[in-house]
Amino acid sequence: MASILKRNDRWFVRVRKHGQPSQSKTFTVKQDAQRWALMKERQIDQGLVGCVDKTVTLGDLLKRYLKEVTPYKKSSDKKHGGLRHCLRGLYQELGYLI
């Protein structure tokens, strides 16, 4: 469902559907806002946008962060150890061995 609000001579549109991330945009003309909202609602209904990958886990995100972000941090050794500890605890709690 789309909501259209007037804010400071502009039209703010937010489209929200259950289970999908909300999308928003601002327009100067109300008709443009209505057209965009209708287009986004149709795209969501057809499954063209807003699909969330539900197979990504917290463990996957932590591993990616350790690999891609922490090497560039000043205190990467401390951060790396702390995150590895969190990851190990997460897997032990779920019953996995790493």
PDB file of N, CA and C in Angstrom:
ATOM      1  N   MET A   1       0.840  -1.177   0.000  1.00  0.00           N
ATOM      2  CA  MET A   1       0.000   0.000   0.000  1.00  0.00           C
ATOM      3  C   MET A   1       0.883   1.237   0.000  1.00  0.00           C
ATOM      4  N   ALA A   2       0.550   2.194  -0.792  1.00  0.00           N
ATOM      5  CA  ALA A   2       1.325   3.426  -0.902  1.00  0.00           C
ATOM      6  C   ALA A   2       0.702   4.527  -0.049  1.00  0.00           C
ATOM      7  N   SER A   3       1.571   5.322   0.550  1.00  0.00           N
ATOM      8  CA  SER A   3       1.098   6.515   1.253  1.00  0.00           C
ATOM      9  C   SER A   3       1.784   7.718   0.620  1.00  0.00           C
ATOM     10  N   ILE A   4       1.000   8.743   0.346  1.00  0.00           N
ATOM     11  CA  ILE A   4       1.495   9.959  -0.300  1.00  0.00           C
ATOM     12  C   ILE A   4       1.223  11.132   0.622  1.00  0.00           C
ATOM     13  N   LEU A   5       2.294  11.847   0.982  1.00  0.00           N
ATOM     14  CA  LEU A   5       2.182  12.988   1.888  1.00  0.00           C
ATOM     15  C   LEU A   5       2.796  14.223   1.244  1.00  0.00           C
ATOM     16  N   LYS A   6       2.218  15.374   1.546  1.00  0.00           N
ATOM     17  CA  LYS A   6       2.794  16.624   1.055  1.00  0.00           C
ATOM     18  C   LYS A   6       3.716  17.186   2.130  1.00  0.00           C
ATOM     19  N   ARG A   7       4.962  17.431   1.742  1.00  0.00           N
ATOM     20  CA  ARG A   7       5.955  17.990   2.661  1.00  0.00           C
ATOM     21  C   ARG A   7       6.695  19.118   1.960  1.00  0.00           C
ATOM     22  N   ASN A   8       6.553  20.306   2.473  1.00  0.00           N
ATOM     23  CA  ASN A   8       7.287  21.466   1.955  1.00  0.00           C
ATOM     24  C   ASN A   8       7.213  21.588   0.430  1.00  0.00           C
ATOM     25  N   ASP A   9       6.039  21.654  -0.113  1.00  0.00           N
ATOM     26  CA  ASP A   9       5.797  21.804  -1.557  1.00  0.00           C
ATOM     27  C   ASP A   9       6.301  20.622  -2.377  1.00  0.00           C
ATOM     28  N   ARG A  10       6.516  19.488  -1.760  1.00  0.00           N
ATOM     29  CA  ARG A  10       6.919  18.277  -2.462  1.00  0.00           C
ATOM     30  C   ARG A  10       6.021  17.132  -2.005  1.00  0.00           C
ATOM     31  N   TRP A  11       5.979  16.092  -2.807  1.00  0.00           N
ATOM     32  CA  TRP A  11       5.156  14.925  -2.506  1.00  0.00           C
ATOM     33  C   TRP A  11       6.058  13.749  -2.168  1.00  0.00           C
ATOM     34  N   PHE A  12       5.901  13.245  -0.959  1.00  0.00           N
ATOM     35  CA  PHE A  12       6.695  12.122  -0.468  1.00  0.00           C
ATOM     36  C   PHE A  12       5.854  10.852  -0.582  1.00  0.00           C
ATOM     37  N   VAL A  13       6.419   9.825  -1.227  1.00  0.00           N
ATOM     38  CA  VAL A  13       5.709   8.567  -1.435  1.00  0.00           C
ATOM     39  C   VAL A  13       6.458   7.445  -0.737  1.00  0.00           C
ATOM     40  N   ARG A  14       5.732   6.609  -0.025  1.00  0.00           N
ATOM     41  CA  ARG A  14       6.306   5.400   0.578  1.00  0.00           C
ATOM     42  C   ARG A  14       5.410   4.229   0.218  1.00  0.00           C
ATOM     43  N   VAL A  15       6.035   3.196  -0.351  1.00  0.00           N
ATOM     44  CA  VAL A  15       5.314   1.980  -0.718  1.00  0.00           C
ATOM     45  C   VAL A  15       5.787   0.878   0.219  1.00  0.00           C
ATOM     46  N   ARG A  16       4.833   0.265   0.919  1.00  0.00           N
ATOM     47  CA  ARG A  16       5.158  -0.818   1.847  1.00  0.00           C
ATOM     48  C   ARG A  16       4.252  -2.003   1.593  1.00  0.00           C
ATOM     49  N   LYS A  17       4.873  -3.173   1.566  1.00  0.00           N
ATOM     50  CA  LYS A  17       4.139  -4.438   1.461  1.00  0.00           C
ATOM     51  C   LYS A  17       4.711  -5.370   2.511  1.00  0.00           C
ATOM     52  N   HIS A  18       3.871  -6.185   3.106  1.00  0.00           N
ATOM     53  CA  HIS A  18       4.307  -7.101   4.145  1.00  0.00           C
ATOM     54  C   HIS A  18       5.356  -8.068   3.598  1.00  0.00           C
ATOM     55  N   GLY A  19       6.474  -8.187   4.320  1.00  0.00           N
ATOM     56  CA  GLY A  19       7.535  -9.100   3.918  1.00  0.00           C
ATOM     57  C   GLY A  19       8.505  -8.519   2.913  1.00  0.00           C
ATOM     58  N   GLN A  20       8.326  -7.266   2.535  1.00  0.00           N
ATOM     59  CA  GLN A  20       9.204  -6.621   1.564  1.00  0.00           C
ATOM     60  C   GLN A  20       9.753  -5.330   2.174  1.00  0.00           C
ATOM     61  N   PRO A  21      10.952  -4.919   1.772  1.00  0.00           N
ATOM     62  CA  PRO A  21      11.480  -3.644   2.277  1.00  0.00           C
ATOM     63  C   PRO A  21      10.680  -2.471   1.712  1.00  0.00           C
ATOM     64  N   SER A  22      10.516  -1.432   2.515  1.00  0.00           N
ATOM     65  CA  SER A  22       9.767  -0.268   2.038  1.00  0.00           C
ATOM     66  C   SER A  22      10.619   0.521   1.052  1.00  0.00           C
ATOM     67  N   GLN A  23       9.939   1.191   0.126  1.00  0.00           N
ATOM     68  CA  GLN A  23      10.603   2.017  -0.873  1.00  0.00           C
ATOM     69  C   GLN A  23       9.973   3.394  -0.817  1.00  0.00           C
ATOM     70  N   SER A  24      10.796   4.435  -0.969  1.00  0.00           N
ATOM     71  CA  SER A  24      10.259   5.787  -0.908  1.00  0.00           C
ATOM     72  C   SER A  24      10.975   6.693  -1.901  1.00  0.00           C
ATOM     73  N   LYS A  25      10.280   7.758  -2.256  1.00  0.00           N
ATOM     74  CA  LYS A  25      10.830   8.732  -3.200  1.00  0.00           C
ATOM     75  C   LYS A  25      10.044  10.033  -3.048  1.00  0.00           C
ATOM     76  N   THR A  26      10.661  11.147  -3.444  1.00  0.00           N
ATOM     77  CA  THR A  26      10.031  12.460  -3.339  1.00  0.00           C
ATOM     78  C   THR A  26       9.857  13.048  -4.738  1.00  0.00           C
ATOM     79  N   PHE A  27       8.704  13.699  -4.977  1.00  0.00           N
ATOM     80  CA  PHE A  27       8.374  14.273  -6.277  1.00  0.00           C
ATOM     81  C   PHE A  27       7.895  15.709  -6.099  1.00  0.00           C
ATOM     82  N   THR A  28       7.966  16.474  -7.185  1.00  0.00           N
ATOM     83  CA  THR A  28       7.445  17.843  -7.146  1.00  0.00           C
ATOM     84  C   THR A  28       6.004  17.898  -7.633  1.00  0.00           C
ATOM     85  N   VAL A  29       5.575  16.903  -8.421  1.00  0.00           N
ATOM     86  CA  VAL A  29       4.218  16.857  -8.964  1.00  0.00           C
ATOM     87  C   VAL A  29       3.493  15.641  -8.387  1.00  0.00           C
ATOM     88  N   LYS A  30       2.275  15.857  -7.921  1.00  0.00           N
ATOM     89  CA  LYS A  30       1.527  14.781  -7.271  1.00  0.00           C
ATOM     90  C   LYS A  30       1.223  13.626  -8.235  1.00  0.00           C
ATOM     91  N   GLN A  31       0.916  13.940  -9.494  1.00  0.00           N
ATOM     92  CA  GLN A  31       0.630  12.882 -10.464  1.00  0.00           C
ATOM     93  C   GLN A  31       1.834  11.961 -10.672  1.00  0.00           C
ATOM     94  N   ASP A  32       3.035  12.528 -10.695  1.00  0.00           N
ATOM     95  CA  ASP A  32       4.249  11.706 -10.817  1.00  0.00           C
ATOM     96  C   ASP A  32       4.387  10.776  -9.622  1.00  0.00           C
ATOM     97  N   ALA A  33       4.070  11.297  -8.452  1.00  0.00           N
ATOM     98  CA  ALA A  33       4.143  10.491  -7.233  1.00  0.00           C
ATOM     99  C   ALA A  33       3.152   9.333  -7.287  1.00  0.00           C
ATOM    100  N   GLN A  34       1.936   9.609  -7.751  1.00  0.00           N
ATOM    101  CA  GLN A  34       0.919   8.567  -7.842  1.00  0.00           C
ATOM    102  C   GLN A  34       1.307   7.500  -8.870  1.00  0.00           C
ATOM    103  N   ARG A  35       1.841   7.952 -10.018  1.00  0.00           N
ATOM    104  CA  ARG A  35       2.270   6.993 -11.049  1.00  0.00           C
ATOM    105  C   ARG A  35       3.394   6.100 -10.537  1.00  0.00           C
ATOM    106  N   TRP A  36       4.376   6.690  -9.866  1.00  0.00           N
ATOM    107  CA  TRP A  36       5.503   5.924  -9.340  1.00  0.00           C
ATOM    108  C   TRP A  36       5.029   4.906  -8.305  1.00  0.00           C
ATOM    109  N   ALA A  37       4.126   5.324  -7.422  1.00  0.00           N
ATOM    110  CA  ALA A  37       3.604   4.422  -6.399  1.00  0.00           C
ATOM    111  C   ALA A  37       2.886   3.238  -7.036  1.00  0.00           C
ATOM    112  N   LEU A  38       2.071   3.500  -8.034  1.00  0.00           N
ATOM    113  CA  LEU A  38       1.351   2.431  -8.722  1.00  0.00           C
ATOM    114  C   LEU A  38       2.320   1.479  -9.421  1.00  0.00           C
ATOM    115  N   MET A  39       3.348   2.037 -10.080  1.00  0.00           N
ATOM    116  CA  MET A  39       4.338   1.222 -10.766  1.00  0.00           C
ATOM    117  C   MET A  39       5.084   0.319  -9.774  1.00  0.00           C
ATOM    118  N   LYS A  40       5.502   0.877  -8.629  1.00  0.00           N
ATOM    119  CA  LYS A  40       6.231   0.094  -7.631  1.00  0.00           C
ATOM    120  C   LYS A  40       5.349  -1.000  -7.035  1.00  0.00           C
ATOM    121  N   GLU A  41       4.090  -0.697  -6.773  1.00  0.00           N
ATOM    122  CA  GLU A  41       3.176  -1.713  -6.244  1.00  0.00           C
ATOM    123  C   GLU A  41       3.020  -2.865  -7.234  1.00  0.00           C
ATOM    124  N   ARG A  42       2.899  -2.547  -8.514  1.00  0.00           N
ATOM    125  CA  ARG A  42       2.787  -3.597  -9.531  1.00  0.00           C
ATOM    126  C   ARG A  42       4.059  -4.438  -9.600  1.00  0.00           C
ATOM    127  N   GLN A  43       5.220  -3.774  -9.552  1.00  0.00           N
ATOM    128  CA  GLN A  43       6.488  -4.505  -9.601  1.00  0.00           C
ATOM    129  C   GLN A  43       6.635  -5.442  -8.409  1.00  0.00           C
ATOM    130  N   ILE A  44       6.235  -4.986  -7.239  1.00  0.00           N
ATOM    131  CA  ILE A  44       6.315  -5.826  -6.045  1.00  0.00           C
ATOM    132  C   ILE A  44       5.367  -7.011  -6.178  1.00  0.00           C
ATOM    133  N   ASP A  45       4.148  -6.762  -6.668  1.00  0.00           N
ATOM    134  CA  ASP A  45       3.173  -7.837  -6.844  1.00  0.00           C
ATOM    135  C   ASP A  45       3.660  -8.884  -7.844  1.00  0.00           C
ATOM    136  N   GLN A  46       4.391  -8.445  -8.871  1.00  0.00           N
ATOM    137  CA  GLN A  46       4.911  -9.354  -9.884  1.00  0.00           C
ATOM    138  C   GLN A  46       6.208 -10.020  -9.448  1.00  0.00           C
ATOM    139  N   GLY A  47       6.765  -9.588  -8.316  1.00  0.00           N
ATOM    140  CA  GLY A  47       7.999 -10.180  -7.813  1.00  0.00           C
ATOM    141  C   GLY A  47       9.243  -9.665  -8.497  1.00  0.00           C
ATOM    142  N   LEU A  48       9.173  -8.488  -9.115  1.00  0.00           N
ATOM    143  CA  LEU A  48      10.319  -7.953  -9.851  1.00  0.00           C
ATOM    144  C   LEU A  48      11.293  -7.187  -8.968  1.00  0.00           C
ATOM    145  N   VAL A  49      10.817  -6.592  -7.882  1.00  0.00           N
ATOM    146  CA  VAL A  49      11.693  -5.836  -6.986  1.00  0.00           C
ATOM    147  C   VAL A  49      11.378  -6.183  -5.541  1.00  0.00           C
ATOM    148  N   GLY A  50      12.316  -5.865  -4.697  1.00  0.00           N
ATOM    149  CA  GLY A  50      12.079  -5.990  -3.268  1.00  0.00           C
ATOM    150  C   GLY A  50      12.232  -7.372  -2.707  1.00  0.00           C
ATOM    151  N   CYS A  51      12.719  -8.312  -3.479  1.00  0.00           N
ATOM    152  CA  CYS A  51      12.900  -9.660  -2.963  1.00  0.00           C
ATOM    153  C   CYS A  51      14.071  -9.665  -1.993  1.00  0.00           C
ATOM    154  N   VAL A  52      13.832 -10.187  -0.834  1.00  0.00           N
ATOM    155  CA  VAL A  52      14.858 -10.263   0.189  1.00  0.00           C
ATOM    156  C   VAL A  52      15.398 -11.684   0.223  1.00  0.00           C
ATOM    157  N   ASP A  53      16.725 -11.815   0.163  1.00  0.00           N
ATOM    158  CA  ASP A  53      17.342 -13.135   0.216  1.00  0.00           C
ATOM    159  C   ASP A  53      17.329 -13.610   1.659  1.00  0.00           C
ATOM    160  N   LYS A  54      16.534 -14.619   1.950  1.00  0.00           N
ATOM    161  CA  LYS A  54      16.383 -15.096   3.313  1.00  0.00           C
ATOM    162  C   LYS A  54      17.385 -16.188   3.660  1.00  0.00           C
ATOM    163  N   THR A  55      18.317 -16.483   2.754  1.00  0.00           N
ATOM    164  CA  THR A  55      19.297 -17.522   3.026  1.00  0.00           C
ATOM    165  C   THR A  55      20.570 -16.960   3.656  1.00  0.00           C
ATOM    166  N   VAL A  56      20.704 -15.650   3.750  1.00  0.00           N
ATOM    167  CA  VAL A  56      21.882 -15.045   4.352  1.00  0.00           C
ATOM    168  C   VAL A  56      21.728 -15.095   5.867  1.00  0.00           C
ATOM    169  N   THR A  57      22.736 -15.642   6.538  1.00  0.00           N
ATOM    170  CA  THR A  57      22.682 -15.777   7.991  1.00  0.00           C
ATOM    171  C   THR A  57      23.606 -14.776   8.653  1.00  0.00           C
ATOM    172  N   LEU A  58      23.468 -14.643   9.958  1.00  0.00           N
ATOM    173  CA  LEU A  58      24.350 -13.761  10.718  1.00  0.00           C
ATOM    174  C   LEU A  58      25.794 -14.243  10.599  1.00  0.00           C
ATOM    175  N   GLY A  59      25.989 -15.543  10.616  1.00  0.00           N
ATOM    176  CA  GLY A  59      27.331 -16.095  10.455  1.00  0.00           C
ATOM    177  C   GLY A  59      27.953 -15.711   9.129  1.00  0.00           C
ATOM    178  N   ASP A  60      27.152 -15.752   8.058  1.00  0.00           N
ATOM    179  CA  ASP A  60      27.642 -15.347   6.736  1.00  0.00           C
ATOM    180  C   ASP A  60      28.054 -13.881   6.733  1.00  0.00           C
ATOM    181  N   LEU A  61      27.253 -13.055   7.375  1.00  0.00           N
ATOM    182  CA  LEU A  61      27.568 -11.625   7.432  1.00  0.00           C
ATOM    183  C   LEU A  61      28.835 -11.363   8.242  1.00  0.00           C
ATOM    184  N   LEU A  62      28.993 -12.065   9.368  1.00  0.00           N
ATOM    185  CA  LEU A  62      30.202 -11.891  10.173  1.00  0.00           C
ATOM    186  C   LEU A  62      31.447 -12.335   9.415  1.00  0.00           C
ATOM    187  N   LYS A  63      31.353 -13.450   8.713  1.00  0.00           N
ATOM    188  CA  LYS A  63      32.496 -13.928   7.924  1.00  0.00           C
ATOM    189  C   LYS A  63      32.865 -12.923   6.836  1.00  0.00           C
ATOM    190  N   ARG A  64      31.861 -12.390   6.169  1.00  0.00           N
ATOM    191  CA  ARG A  64      32.125 -11.406   5.108  1.00  0.00           C
ATOM    192  C   ARG A  64      32.750 -10.142   5.689  1.00  0.00           C
ATOM    193  N   TYR A  65      32.253  -9.686   6.836  1.00  0.00           N
ATOM    194  CA  TYR A  65      32.806  -8.506   7.490  1.00  0.00           C
ATOM    195  C   TYR A  65      34.266  -8.747   7.876  1.00  0.00           C
ATOM    196  N   LEU A  66      34.554  -9.933   8.424  1.00  0.00           N
ATOM    197  CA  LEU A  66      35.935 -10.265   8.801  1.00  0.00           C
ATOM    198  C   LEU A  66      36.856 -10.251   7.583  1.00  0.00           C
ATOM    199  N   LYS A  67      36.352 -10.709   6.463  1.00  0.00           N
ATOM    200  CA  LYS A  67      37.181 -10.816   5.267  1.00  0.00           C
ATOM    201  C   LYS A  67      37.341  -9.487   4.537  1.00  0.00           C
ATOM    202  N   GLU A  68      36.273  -8.677   4.471  1.00  0.00           N
ATOM    203  CA  GLU A  68      36.281  -7.495   3.624  1.00  0.00           C
ATOM    204  C   GLU A  68      36.503  -6.176   4.354  1.00  0.00           C
ATOM    205  N   VAL A  69      36.145  -6.098   5.631  1.00  0.00           N
ATOM    206  CA  VAL A  69      36.188  -4.801   6.318  1.00  0.00           C
ATOM    207  C   VAL A  69      37.299  -4.721   7.351  1.00  0.00           C
ATOM    208  N   THR A  70      37.404  -5.707   8.218  1.00  0.00           N
ATOM    209  CA  THR A  70      38.362  -5.606   9.322  1.00  0.00           C
ATOM    210  C   THR A  70      39.818  -5.459   8.902  1.00  0.00           C
ATOM    211  N   PRO A  71      40.275  -5.990   7.765  1.00  0.00           N
ATOM    212  CA  PRO A  71      41.685  -5.770   7.414  1.00  0.00           C
ATOM    213  C   PRO A  71      42.052  -4.296   7.245  1.00  0.00           C
ATOM    214  N   TYR A  72      41.082  -3.433   6.988  1.00  0.00           N
ATOM    215  CA  TYR A  72      41.345  -2.015   6.762  1.00  0.00           C
ATOM    216  C   TYR A  72      41.147  -1.155   8.012  1.00  0.00           C
ATOM    217  N   LYS A  73      40.805  -1.766   9.116  1.00  0.00           N
ATOM    218  CA  LYS A  73      40.614  -1.037  10.369  1.00  0.00           C
ATOM    219  C   LYS A  73      41.948  -0.880  11.087  1.00  0.00           C
ATOM    220  N   LYS A  74      42.073   0.176  11.889  1.00  0.00           N
ATOM    221  CA  LYS A  74      43.290   0.394  12.667  1.00  0.00           C
ATOM    222  C   LYS A  74      43.529  -0.749  13.645  1.00  0.00           C
ATOM    223  N   SER A  75      42.504  -1.106  14.352  1.00  0.00           N
ATOM    224  CA  SER A  75      42.630  -2.156  15.366  1.00  0.00           C
ATOM    225  C   SER A  75      42.077  -3.474  14.823  1.00  0.00           C
ATOM    226  N   SER A  76      42.524  -3.837  13.630  1.00  0.00           N
ATOM    227  CA  SER A  76      41.956  -5.014  12.980  1.00  0.00           C
ATOM    228  C   SER A  76      42.227  -6.302  13.749  1.00  0.00           C
ATOM    229  N   ASP A  77      43.381  -6.393  14.413  1.00  0.00           N
ATOM    230  CA  ASP A  77      43.685  -7.624  15.147  1.00  0.00           C
ATOM    231  C   ASP A  77      42.727  -7.821  16.321  1.00  0.00           C
ATOM    232  N   LYS A  78      42.423  -6.749  17.045  1.00  0.00           N
ATOM    233  CA  LYS A  78      41.485  -6.843  18.167  1.00  0.00           C
ATOM    234  C   LYS A  78      40.073  -7.129  17.668  1.00  0.00           C
ATOM    235  N   LYS A  79      39.674  -6.408  16.627  1.00  0.00           N
ATOM    236  CA  LYS A  79      38.336  -6.591  16.091  1.00  0.00           C
ATOM    237  C   LYS A  79      38.184  -7.992  15.498  1.00  0.00           C
ATOM    238  N   HIS A  80      39.221  -8.452  14.832  1.00  0.00           N
ATOM    239  CA  HIS A  80      39.193  -9.774  14.219  1.00  0.00           C
ATOM    240  C   HIS A  80      39.002 -10.852  15.291  1.00  0.00           C
ATOM    241  N   GLY A  81      39.739 -10.734  16.395  1.00  0.00           N
ATOM    242  CA  GLY A  81      39.623 -11.714  17.471  1.00  0.00           C
ATOM    243  C   GLY A  81      38.255 -11.689  18.130  1.00  0.00           C
ATOM    244  N   GLY A  82      37.738 -10.505  18.364  1.00  0.00           N
ATOM    245  CA  GLY A  82      36.421 -10.382  18.998  1.00  0.00           C
ATOM    246  C   GLY A  82      35.307 -10.949  18.135  1.00  0.00           C
ATOM    247  N   LEU A  83      35.368 -10.662  16.846  1.00  0.00           N
ATOM    248  CA  LEU A  83      34.334 -11.169  15.947  1.00  0.00           C
ATOM    249  C   LEU A  83      34.452 -12.676  15.755  1.00  0.00           C
ATOM    250  N   ARG A  84      35.668 -13.192  15.713  1.00  0.00           N
ATOM    251  CA  ARG A  84      35.846 -14.647  15.619  1.00  0.00           C
ATOM    252  C   ARG A  84      35.261 -15.322  16.864  1.00  0.00           C
ATOM    253  N   HIS A  85      35.454 -14.684  18.025  1.00  0.00           N
ATOM    254  CA  HIS A  85      34.900 -15.215  19.270  1.00  0.00           C
ATOM    255  C   HIS A  85      33.369 -15.244  19.203  1.00  0.00           C
ATOM    256  N   CYS A  86      32.762 -14.165  18.705  1.00  0.00           N
ATOM    257  CA  CYS A  86      31.303 -14.110  18.547  1.00  0.00           C
ATOM    258  C   CYS A  86      30.826 -15.183  17.581  1.00  0.00           C
ATOM    259  N   LEU A  87      31.536 -15.326  16.487  1.00  0.00           N
ATOM    260  CA  LEU A  87      31.167 -16.313  15.486  1.00  0.00           C
ATOM    261  C   LEU A  87      31.270 -17.731  16.056  1.00  0.00           C
ATOM    262  N   ARG A  88      32.315 -17.999  16.794  1.00  0.00           N
ATOM    263  CA  ARG A  88      32.497 -19.309  17.404  1.00  0.00           C
ATOM    264  C   ARG A  88      31.364 -19.586  18.398  1.00  0.00           C
ATOM    265  N   GLY A  89      31.034 -18.593  19.222  1.00  0.00           N
ATOM    266  CA  GLY A  89      29.937 -18.754  20.185  1.00  0.00           C
ATOM    267  C   GLY A  89      28.604 -18.973  19.503  1.00  0.00           C
ATOM    268  N   LEU A  90      28.378 -18.269  18.406  1.00  0.00           N
ATOM    269  CA  LEU A  90      27.142 -18.426  17.653  1.00  0.00           C
ATOM    270  C   LEU A  90      27.015 -19.853  17.123  1.00  0.00           C
ATOM    271  N   TYR A  91      28.092 -20.355  16.540  1.00  0.00           N
ATOM    272  CA  TYR A  91      28.051 -21.708  15.993  1.00  0.00           C
ATOM    273  C   TYR A  91      27.930 -22.760  17.090  1.00  0.00           C
ATOM    274  N   GLN A  92      28.588 -22.548  18.219  1.00  0.00           N
ATOM    275  CA  GLN A  92      28.489 -23.517  19.316  1.00  0.00           C
ATOM    276  C   GLN A  92      27.072 -23.554  19.875  1.00  0.00           C
ATOM    277  N   GLU A  93      26.439 -22.401  19.950  1.00  0.00           N
ATOM    278  CA  GLU A  93      25.070 -22.332  20.459  1.00  0.00           C
ATOM    279  C   GLU A  93      24.105 -23.070  19.529  1.00  0.00           C
ATOM    280  N   LEU A  94      24.392 -22.997  18.221  1.00  0.00           N
ATOM    281  CA  LEU A  94      23.529 -23.675  17.257  1.00  0.00           C
ATOM    282  C   LEU A  94      23.893 -25.151  17.087  1.00  0.00           C
ATOM    283  N   GLY A  95      24.994 -25.569  17.699  1.00  0.00           N
ATOM    284  CA  GLY A  95      25.382 -26.964  17.636  1.00  0.00           C
ATOM    285  C   GLY A  95      26.326 -27.309  16.501  1.00  0.00           C
ATOM    286  N   TYR A  96      26.943 -26.296  15.872  1.00  0.00           N
ATOM    287  CA  TYR A  96      27.894 -26.543  14.803  1.00  0.00           C
ATOM    288  C   TYR A  96      29.310 -26.514  15.331  1.00  0.00           C
ATOM    289  N   LEU A  97      30.207 -27.176  14.674  1.00  0.00           N
ATOM    290  CA  LEU A  97      31.621 -27.144  15.018  1.00  0.00           C
ATOM    291  C   LEU A  97      32.370 -26.359  13.945  1.00  0.00           C
ATOM    292  N   ILE A  98      33.283 -25.485  14.383  1.00  0.00           N
ATOM    293  CA  ILE A  98      34.101 -24.773  13.398  1.00  0.00           C
ATOM    294  C   ILE A  98      35.559 -24.996  13.708  1.00  0.00           C
TER     295      ILE A  98
END
